[in-house]
Amino acid sequence: MRAGVLSDDRIINYLNENYINTWIRTIELRNMRDTLGYQQMSPLTWTIIDHKWRRGPVDAWIISPELEAIGHVPINEYLGNNRREDGTLESENYLLFLQDSLAGKLPGLGNIVLTPEQPSDTLLDVFRTPEYGHQDYTVVVIDTTSFENKGTLTINIELGNDKASGSFFLLDAAHKLSFDAQNKRPDAGMFDGAHDIGWYDPCEIGQMTHQFEQGQIYKLVGMGWASNEKGSINAYQAKISVEEE
């Protein structure tokens, strides 16, 4: 990277103004996990491991001051693929990645972009119930900013054939999911939620809807619920659509 994107003065200045830059070897993360165990790992380590960290030669992580992952791409794959597809310079792609992270678009963490020309899409992903008490989230960003008028966002979720049930929540992209400790339910900051899908009926389809005045960026959060066996995994399919008024 030093001979490529980091040789661009615009990127160096942007990094110096907006980020604290550091690096860590993935083998150190694995050693920390195996030696200390999940309970003793630092919050920063948890952030990386929670978001499906990859074993690429170089991964770029953008992490907020609150230790939330807001951007993650394997650099060789990201820069190389974009360069081959549209001829854009590596430095332009990397600068866009940095800017999108600060803008709350969560690049690289699973994005669905809906437009009036393509108002629906289907997502296939997985969720997992944690083994060591720290909740494991699956996060997908839904971008509806192309819709300038009122509309309704609808998400239908169907689980795979495994036994694990799941709960899903729709939030503003900038909102951090938190829980009511007494009721063990997400706080009122979410737009909608679908709880314990598949717990009573394996064929159940959960639905969330949200009416908006103007399109924005949302965060769809999925998790394995506490009733599951620890470490259980299941797939889910989400059909996401916008109907504009």
C-alpha atoms as a PDB file:
ATOM      1  CA  MET A   1       0.000   0.000   0.000  1.00  0.00           C
ATOM      2  CA  ARG A   2       2.844   2.403   0.713  1.00  0.00           C
ATOM      3  CA  ALA A   3       3.875   2.338  -2.930  1.00  0.00           C
ATOM      4  CA  GLY A   4       0.241   2.649  -4.061  1.00  0.00           C
ATOM      5  CA  VAL A   5      -2.599   4.429  -2.275  1.00  0.00           C
ATOM      6  CA  LEU A   6      -0.415   5.726   0.569  1.00  0.00           C
ATOM      7  CA  SER A   7       1.805   7.540  -1.908  1.00  0.00           C
ATOM      8  CA  ASP A   8      -1.122   9.898  -2.630  1.00  0.00           C
ATOM      9  CA  ASP A   9      -0.835  13.097  -0.569  1.00  0.00           C
ATOM     10  CA  ARG A  10      -4.638  13.525  -0.458  1.00  0.00           C
ATOM     11  CA  ILE A  11      -5.044  10.188   1.292  1.00  0.00           C
ATOM     12  CA  ILE A  12      -2.197  10.834   3.716  1.00  0.00           C
ATOM     13  CA  ASN A  13      -3.742  14.181   4.697  1.00  0.00           C
ATOM     14  CA  TYR A  14      -7.231  12.659   4.990  1.00  0.00           C
ATOM     15  CA  LEU A  15      -5.939   9.864   7.231  1.00  0.00           C
ATOM     16  CA  ASN A  16      -3.991  12.258   9.427  1.00  0.00           C
ATOM     17  CA  GLU A  17      -7.014  14.526   9.878  1.00  0.00           C
ATOM     18  CA  ASN A  18      -9.672  11.870  10.551  1.00  0.00           C
ATOM     19  CA  TYR A  19      -8.052   8.640  11.777  1.00  0.00           C
ATOM     20  CA  ILE A  20      -5.584   7.107  14.175  1.00  0.00           C
ATOM     21  CA  ASN A  21      -3.668   4.644  12.033  1.00  0.00           C
ATOM     22  CA  THR A  22      -2.218   1.392  13.284  1.00  0.00           C
ATOM     23  CA  TRP A  23      -1.792  -2.210  12.189  1.00  0.00           C
ATOM     24  CA  ILE A  24      -1.966  -5.708  13.659  1.00  0.00           C
ATOM     25  CA  ARG A  25      -1.120  -9.150  12.310  1.00  0.00           C
ATOM     26  CA  THR A  26      -4.017 -11.599  12.083  1.00  0.00           C
ATOM     27  CA  ILE A  27      -1.852 -14.311  13.641  1.00  0.00           C
ATOM     28  CA  GLU A  28      -1.683 -12.162  16.777  1.00  0.00           C
ATOM     29  CA  LEU A  29      -5.490 -12.114  16.939  1.00  0.00           C
ATOM     30  CA  ARG A  30      -5.609 -15.892  16.715  1.00  0.00           C
ATOM     31  CA  ASN A  31      -2.929 -16.264  19.401  1.00  0.00           C
ATOM     32  CA  MET A  32      -4.768 -13.850  21.676  1.00  0.00           C
ATOM     33  CA  ARG A  33      -8.030 -15.742  21.219  1.00  0.00           C
ATOM     34  CA  ASP A  34      -6.424 -19.145  21.831  1.00  0.00           C
ATOM     35  CA  THR A  35      -4.246 -18.029  24.754  1.00  0.00           C
ATOM     36  CA  LEU A  36      -6.514 -15.636  26.669  1.00  0.00           C
ATOM     37  CA  GLY A  37      -9.919 -16.964  25.668  1.00  0.00           C
ATOM     38  CA  TYR A  38     -12.885 -14.835  24.657  1.00  0.00           C
ATOM     39  CA  GLN A  39     -13.579 -13.472  28.130  1.00  0.00           C
ATOM     40  CA  GLN A  40     -10.139 -11.848  28.470  1.00  0.00           C
ATOM     41  CA  MET A  41      -9.853 -10.319  25.000  1.00  0.00           C
ATOM     42  CA  SER A  42      -9.904  -6.555  24.592  1.00  0.00           C
ATOM     43  CA  PRO A  43     -12.966  -4.756  23.132  1.00  0.00           C
ATOM     44  CA  LEU A  44     -10.923  -3.862  20.040  1.00  0.00           C
ATOM     45  CA  THR A  45     -10.109  -7.528  19.425  1.00  0.00           C
ATOM     46  CA  TRP A  46     -13.764  -8.426  19.925  1.00  0.00           C
ATOM     47  CA  THR A  47     -14.790  -5.871  17.294  1.00  0.00           C
ATOM     48  CA  ILE A  48     -12.581  -7.471  14.664  1.00  0.00           C
ATOM     49  CA  ILE A  49     -13.417 -11.084  15.488  1.00  0.00           C
ATOM     50  CA  ASP A  50     -17.162 -10.329  15.760  1.00  0.00           C
ATOM     51  CA  HIS A  51     -17.287  -9.051  12.188  1.00  0.00           C
ATOM     52  CA  LYS A  52     -15.998 -12.143  10.391  1.00  0.00           C
ATOM     53  CA  TRP A  53     -12.382 -11.001  10.097  1.00  0.00           C
ATOM     54  CA  ARG A  54     -10.709 -12.605   7.122  1.00  0.00           C
ATOM     55  CA  ARG A  55      -7.325 -14.165   6.665  1.00  0.00           C
ATOM     56  CA  GLY A  56      -6.260 -11.989   3.762  1.00  0.00           C
ATOM     57  CA  PRO A  57      -2.711 -10.665   3.427  1.00  0.00           C
ATOM     58  CA  VAL A  58      -3.893  -7.112   4.186  1.00  0.00           C
ATOM     59  CA  ASP A  59      -7.301  -6.097   5.529  1.00  0.00           C
ATOM     60  CA  ALA A  60      -8.349  -2.491   6.130  1.00  0.00           C
ATOM     61  CA  TRP A  61     -10.558  -1.893   9.172  1.00  0.00           C
ATOM     62  CA  ILE A  62     -12.241   1.382  10.046  1.00  0.00           C
ATOM     63  CA  ILE A  63     -13.320   1.354  13.700  1.00  0.00           C
ATOM     64  CA  SER A  64     -15.211   4.147  15.458  1.00  0.00           C
ATOM     65  CA  PRO A  65     -14.195   5.669  18.821  1.00  0.00           C
ATOM     66  CA  GLU A  66     -16.989   3.518  20.317  1.00  0.00           C
ATOM     67  CA  LEU A  67     -15.161   0.431  18.929  1.00  0.00           C
ATOM     68  CA  GLU A  68     -17.816  -0.343  16.324  1.00  0.00           C
ATOM     69  CA  ALA A  69     -16.674  -1.593  12.928  1.00  0.00           C
ATOM     70  CA  ILE A  70     -17.777   0.980  10.315  1.00  0.00           C
ATOM     71  CA  GLY A  71     -15.758  -0.312   7.358  1.00  0.00           C
ATOM     72  CA  HIS A  72     -13.858  -3.489   6.431  1.00  0.00           C
ATOM     73  CA  VAL A  73     -12.337  -4.613   3.141  1.00  0.00           C
ATOM     74  CA  PRO A  74      -9.484  -6.930   2.090  1.00  0.00           C
ATOM     75  CA  ILE A  75      -7.365  -4.313   0.351  1.00  0.00           C
ATOM     76  CA  ASN A  76      -5.880  -6.462  -2.415  1.00  0.00           C
ATOM     77  CA  GLU A  77      -9.313  -7.734  -3.435  1.00  0.00           C
ATOM     78  CA  TYR A  78     -11.099  -4.405  -3.036  1.00  0.00           C
ATOM     79  CA  LEU A  79      -8.648  -2.215  -4.915  1.00  0.00           C
ATOM     80  CA  GLY A  80      -7.876  -4.819  -7.541  1.00  0.00           C
ATOM     81  CA  ASN A  81     -11.487  -5.660  -8.387  1.00  0.00           C
ATOM     82  CA  ASN A  82     -12.561  -2.036  -8.587  1.00  0.00           C
ATOM     83  CA  ARG A  83      -9.621  -1.164 -10.796  1.00  0.00           C
ATOM     84  CA  ARG A  84     -10.414  -3.994 -13.203  1.00  0.00           C
ATOM     85  CA  GLU A  85     -14.133  -3.224 -13.339  1.00  0.00           C
ATOM     86  CA  ASP A  86     -14.196   0.481 -14.079  1.00  0.00           C
ATOM     87  CA  GLY A  87     -10.614   1.628 -14.501  1.00  0.00           C
ATOM     88  CA  THR A  88     -10.736   3.850 -11.405  1.00  0.00           C
ATOM     89  CA  LEU A  89      -7.393   4.572  -9.772  1.00  0.00           C
ATOM     90  CA  GLU A  90      -6.597   2.657  -6.575  1.00  0.00           C
ATOM     91  CA  SER A  91      -6.204   5.922  -4.683  1.00  0.00           C
ATOM     92  CA  GLU A  92      -9.697   7.074  -5.705  1.00  0.00           C
ATOM     93  CA  ASN A  93     -11.233   3.802  -4.530  1.00  0.00           C
ATOM     94  CA  TYR A  94      -9.414   3.888  -1.207  1.00  0.00           C
ATOM     95  CA  LEU A  95     -10.368   7.510  -0.553  1.00  0.00           C
ATOM     96  CA  LEU A  96     -14.004   6.658  -1.311  1.00  0.00           C
ATOM     97  CA  PHE A  97     -13.801   3.740   1.151  1.00  0.00           C
ATOM     98  CA  LEU A  98     -12.520   6.080   3.885  1.00  0.00           C
ATOM     99  CA  GLN A  99     -15.173   8.729   3.168  1.00  0.00           C
ATOM    100  CA  ASP A 100     -18.033   6.202   3.038  1.00  0.00           C
ATOM    101  CA  SER A 101     -16.940   4.804   6.408  1.00  0.00           C
ATOM    102  CA  LEU A 102     -17.154   8.198   8.089  1.00  0.00           C
ATOM    103  CA  ALA A 103     -20.492   8.832   6.358  1.00  0.00           C
ATOM    104  CA  GLY A 104     -22.011   5.768   8.059  1.00  0.00           C
ATOM    105  CA  LYS A 105     -22.361   3.657   4.901  1.00  0.00           C
ATOM    106  CA  LEU A 106     -20.389   0.743   6.448  1.00  0.00           C
ATOM    107  CA  PRO A 107     -18.522  -0.234   3.245  1.00  0.00           C
ATOM    108  CA  GLY A 108     -17.490  -3.859   3.033  1.00  0.00           C
ATOM    109  CA  LEU A 109     -19.802  -4.978   5.833  1.00  0.00           C
ATOM    110  CA  GLY A 110     -22.616  -6.059   3.527  1.00  0.00           C
ATOM    111  CA  ASN A 111     -24.547  -3.375   1.673  1.00  0.00           C
ATOM    112  CA  ILE A 112     -27.919  -3.435  -0.085  1.00  0.00           C
ATOM    113  CA  VAL A 113     -28.559  -0.414  -2.324  1.00  0.00           C
ATOM    114  CA  LEU A 114     -32.165   0.157  -3.423  1.00  0.00           C
ATOM    115  CA  THR A 115     -33.167   2.683  -6.069  1.00  0.00           C
ATOM    116  CA  PRO A 116     -36.387   3.593  -7.941  1.00  0.00           C
ATOM    117  CA  GLU A 117     -34.967   1.592 -10.838  1.00  0.00           C
ATOM    118  CA  GLN A 118     -34.176  -1.394  -8.579  1.00  0.00           C
ATOM    119  CA  PRO A 119     -36.536  -1.125  -5.580  1.00  0.00           C
ATOM    120  CA  SER A 120     -35.996  -4.673  -4.264  1.00  0.00           C
ATOM    121  CA  ASP A 121     -33.187  -7.113  -3.559  1.00  0.00           C
ATOM    122  CA  THR A 122     -32.590 -10.422  -1.785  1.00  0.00           C
ATOM    123  CA  LEU A 123     -29.899 -11.058   0.801  1.00  0.00           C
ATOM    124  CA  LEU A 124     -28.554 -14.437   1.956  1.00  0.00           C
ATOM    125  CA  ASP A 125     -26.461 -14.444   5.147  1.00  0.00           C
ATOM    126  CA  VAL A 126     -25.946 -16.316   8.432  1.00  0.00           C
ATOM    127  CA  PHE A 127     -26.224 -15.554  12.150  1.00  0.00           C
ATOM    128  CA  ARG A 128     -24.728 -17.290  15.162  1.00  0.00           C
ATOM    129  CA  THR A 129     -25.510 -17.697  18.849  1.00  0.00           C
ATOM    130  CA  PRO A 130     -22.420 -16.792  20.913  1.00  0.00           C
ATOM    131  CA  GLU A 131     -20.503 -19.421  22.844  1.00  0.00           C
ATOM    132  CA  TYR A 132     -18.888 -17.156  25.418  1.00  0.00           C
ATOM    133  CA  GLY A 133     -21.526 -14.644  26.462  1.00  0.00           C
ATOM    134  CA  HIS A 134     -20.587 -11.861  24.038  1.00  0.00           C
ATOM    135  CA  GLN A 135     -23.391 -11.334  21.516  1.00  0.00           C
ATOM    136  CA  ASP A 136     -22.504 -12.024  17.877  1.00  0.00           C
ATOM    137  CA  TYR A 137     -24.190  -9.612  15.454  1.00  0.00           C
ATOM    138  CA  THR A 138     -24.713  -9.903  11.717  1.00  0.00           C
ATOM    139  CA  VAL A 139     -24.973  -6.375  10.293  1.00  0.00           C
ATOM    140  CA  VAL A 140     -26.174  -5.377   6.814  1.00  0.00           C
ATOM    141  CA  VAL A 141     -26.507  -1.810   5.546  1.00  0.00           C
ATOM    142  CA  ILE A 142     -29.584  -0.873   3.493  1.00  0.00           C
ATOM    143  CA  ASP A 143     -29.170   2.294   1.421  1.00  0.00           C
ATOM    144  CA  THR A 144     -32.448   3.900   0.284  1.00  0.00           C
ATOM    145  CA  THR A 145     -31.131   7.452  -0.193  1.00  0.00           C
ATOM    146  CA  SER A 146     -32.139   7.433  -3.874  1.00  0.00           C
ATOM    147  CA  PHE A 147     -35.803   7.698  -2.830  1.00  0.00           C
ATOM    148  CA  GLU A 148     -36.632  11.394  -2.477  1.00  0.00           C
ATOM    149  CA  ASN A 149     -40.317  10.947  -1.648  1.00  0.00           C
ATOM    150  CA  LYS A 150     -42.297   9.100   1.010  1.00  0.00           C
ATOM    151  CA  GLY A 151     -42.184   5.339   0.945  1.00  0.00           C
ATOM    152  CA  THR A 152     -42.364   2.095   2.893  1.00  0.00           C
ATOM    153  CA  LEU A 153     -39.403  -0.198   3.489  1.00  0.00           C
ATOM    154  CA  THR A 154     -40.422  -3.859   3.914  1.00  0.00           C
ATOM    155  CA  ILE A 155     -38.144  -6.708   4.990  1.00  0.00           C
ATOM    156  CA  ASN A 156     -39.350 -10.328   4.953  1.00  0.00           C
ATOM    157  CA  ILE A 157     -37.012 -12.799   6.660  1.00  0.00           C
ATOM    158  CA  GLU A 158     -37.060 -16.567   6.262  1.00  0.00           C
ATOM    159  CA  LEU A 159     -34.667 -18.868   8.136  1.00  0.00           C
ATOM    160  CA  GLY A 160     -32.725 -21.880   6.906  1.00  0.00           C
ATOM    161  CA  ASN A 161     -33.272 -25.495   7.950  1.00  0.00           C
ATOM    162  CA  ASP A 162     -31.069 -25.490  11.042  1.00  0.00           C
ATOM    163  CA  LYS A 163     -32.573 -25.347  14.557  1.00  0.00           C
ATOM    164  CA  ALA A 164     -31.360 -21.904  15.656  1.00  0.00           C
ATOM    165  CA  SER A 165     -33.979 -19.157  15.917  1.00  0.00           C
ATOM    166  CA  GLY A 166     -33.049 -15.551  15.248  1.00  0.00           C
ATOM    167  CA  SER A 167     -34.091 -11.996  16.039  1.00  0.00           C
ATOM    168  CA  PHE A 168     -33.678  -9.049  13.675  1.00  0.00           C
ATOM    169  CA  PHE A 169     -33.795  -5.292  14.198  1.00  0.00           C
ATOM    170  CA  LEU A 170     -33.988  -2.316  11.859  1.00  0.00           C
ATOM    171  CA  LEU A 171     -32.145   0.811  12.981  1.00  0.00           C
ATOM    172  CA  ASP A 172     -30.782   4.065  11.700  1.00  0.00           C
ATOM    173  CA  ALA A 173     -27.257   3.391  10.390  1.00  0.00           C
ATOM    174  CA  ALA A 174     -25.764   5.656  13.043  1.00  0.00           C
ATOM    175  CA  HIS A 175     -27.691   4.106  15.944  1.00  0.00           C
ATOM    176  CA  LYS A 176     -25.964   1.624  18.232  1.00  0.00           C
ATOM    177  CA  LEU A 177     -28.068  -1.348  19.322  1.00  0.00           C
ATOM    178  CA  SER A 178     -28.565  -1.481  23.088  1.00  0.00           C
ATOM    179  CA  PHE A 179     -30.848  -3.473  25.358  1.00  0.00           C
ATOM    180  CA  ASP A 180     -33.271  -2.898  28.182  1.00  0.00           C
ATOM    181  CA  ALA A 181     -31.571  -4.883  30.940  1.00  0.00           C
ATOM    182  CA  GLN A 182     -34.833  -5.684  32.718  1.00  0.00           C
ATOM    183  CA  ASN A 183     -36.870  -6.859  29.726  1.00  0.00           C
ATOM    184  CA  LYS A 184     -33.877  -8.038  27.672  1.00  0.00           C
ATOM    185  CA  ARG A 185     -35.344  -6.411  24.577  1.00  0.00           C
ATOM    186  CA  PRO A 186     -33.783  -3.825  22.253  1.00  0.00           C
ATOM    187  CA  ASP A 187     -34.337  -0.206  23.156  1.00  0.00           C
ATOM    188  CA  ALA A 188     -36.900   2.097  21.590  1.00  0.00           C
ATOM    189  CA  GLY A 189     -34.325   3.565  19.201  1.00  0.00           C
ATOM    190  CA  MET A 190     -35.044   0.930  16.577  1.00  0.00           C
ATOM    191  CA  PHE A 191     -37.594   1.362  13.784  1.00  0.00           C
ATOM    192  CA  ASP A 192     -38.929  -2.196  13.920  1.00  0.00           C
ATOM    193  CA  GLY A 193     -37.979  -5.718  15.006  1.00  0.00           C
ATOM    194  CA  ALA A 194     -38.835  -9.356  14.334  1.00  0.00           C
ATOM    195  CA  HIS A 195     -38.230 -11.468  17.452  1.00  0.00           C
ATOM    196  CA  ASP A 196     -37.430 -15.170  17.824  1.00  0.00           C
ATOM    197  CA  ILE A 197     -38.187 -16.122  14.226  1.00  0.00           C
ATOM    198  CA  GLY A 198     -38.326 -19.913  13.917  1.00  0.00           C
ATOM    199  CA  TRP A 199     -38.679 -20.561  17.644  1.00  0.00           C
ATOM    200  CA  TYR A 200     -42.347 -21.587  17.538  1.00  0.00           C
ATOM    201  CA  ASP A 201     -42.597 -22.415  13.835  1.00  0.00           C
ATOM    202  CA  PRO A 202     -39.542 -23.361  11.687  1.00  0.00           C
ATOM    203  CA  CYS A 203     -41.408 -22.107   8.589  1.00  0.00           C
ATOM    204  CA  GLU A 204     -42.250 -18.740  10.116  1.00  0.00           C
ATOM    205  CA  ILE A 205     -41.498 -15.633   8.036  1.00  0.00           C
ATOM    206  CA  GLY A 206     -40.680 -12.521  10.034  1.00  0.00           C
ATOM    207  CA  GLN A 207     -41.602  -9.135   8.652  1.00  0.00           C
ATOM    208  CA  MET A 208     -40.452  -5.610   9.437  1.00  0.00           C
ATOM    209  CA  THR A 209     -41.850  -2.428   7.889  1.00  0.00           C
ATOM    210  CA  HIS A 210     -40.896   1.212   8.190  1.00  0.00           C
ATOM    211  CA  GLN A 211     -42.542   4.264   6.616  1.00  0.00           C
ATOM    212  CA  PHE A 212     -40.167   7.097   5.788  1.00  0.00           C
ATOM    213  CA  GLU A 213     -40.532  10.691   4.621  1.00  0.00           C
ATOM    214  CA  GLN A 214     -37.338  10.431   2.595  1.00  0.00           C
ATOM    215  CA  GLY A 215     -34.929   7.572   1.945  1.00  0.00           C
ATOM    216  CA  GLN A 216     -31.952   7.132   4.262  1.00  0.00           C
ATOM    217  CA  ILE A 217     -29.342   4.565   5.298  1.00  0.00           C
ATOM    218  CA  TYR A 218     -30.488   1.783   7.636  1.00  0.00           C
ATOM    219  CA  LYS A 219     -28.758  -0.965   9.583  1.00  0.00           C
ATOM    220  CA  LEU A 220     -30.298  -4.459   9.673  1.00  0.00           C
ATOM    221  CA  VAL A 221     -28.967  -6.369  12.681  1.00  0.00           C
ATOM    222  CA  GLY A 222     -29.477 -10.128  13.088  1.00  0.00           C
ATOM    223  CA  MET A 223     -28.506 -12.363  16.001  1.00  0.00           C
ATOM    224  CA  GLY A 224     -29.014 -15.844  17.355  1.00  0.00           C
ATOM    225  CA  TRP A 225     -31.301 -15.665  20.379  1.00  0.00           C
ATOM    226  CA  ALA A 226     -30.503 -16.902  23.890  1.00  0.00           C
ATOM    227  CA  SER A 227     -32.890 -19.842  23.600  1.00  0.00           C
ATOM    228  CA  ASN A 228     -30.573 -21.505  21.074  1.00  0.00           C
ATOM    229  CA  GLU A 229     -27.819 -23.943  21.900  1.00  0.00           C
ATOM    230  CA  LYS A 230     -24.573 -21.985  22.305  1.00  0.00           C
ATOM    231  CA  GLY A 231     -22.580 -21.716  19.106  1.00  0.00           C
ATOM    232  CA  SER A 232     -25.486 -22.742  16.860  1.00  0.00           C
ATOM    233  CA  ILE A 233     -25.599 -21.244  13.361  1.00  0.00           C
ATOM    234  CA  ASN A 234     -28.410 -20.759  10.891  1.00  0.00           C
ATOM    235  CA  ALA A 235     -28.818 -19.094   7.514  1.00  0.00           C
ATOM    236  CA  TYR A 236     -31.450 -16.524   6.656  1.00  0.00           C
ATOM    237  CA  GLN A 237     -32.849 -14.977   3.508  1.00  0.00           C
ATOM    238  CA  ALA A 238     -34.109 -11.413   3.586  1.00  0.00           C
ATOM    239  CA  LYS A 239     -36.273  -9.999   0.813  1.00  0.00           C
ATOM    240  CA  ILE A 240     -35.927  -6.216   1.027  1.00  0.00           C
ATOM    241  CA  SER A 241     -38.062  -3.786  -0.948  1.00  0.00           C
ATOM    242  CA  VAL A 242     -39.246  -0.187  -1.055  1.00  0.00           C
ATOM    243  CA  GLU A 243     -42.659   0.950  -2.265  1.00  0.00           C
ATOM    244  CA  GLU A 244     -42.633   4.647  -3.029  1.00  0.00           C
ATOM    245  CA  GLU A 245     -45.784   6.731  -2.573  1.00  0.00           C
END
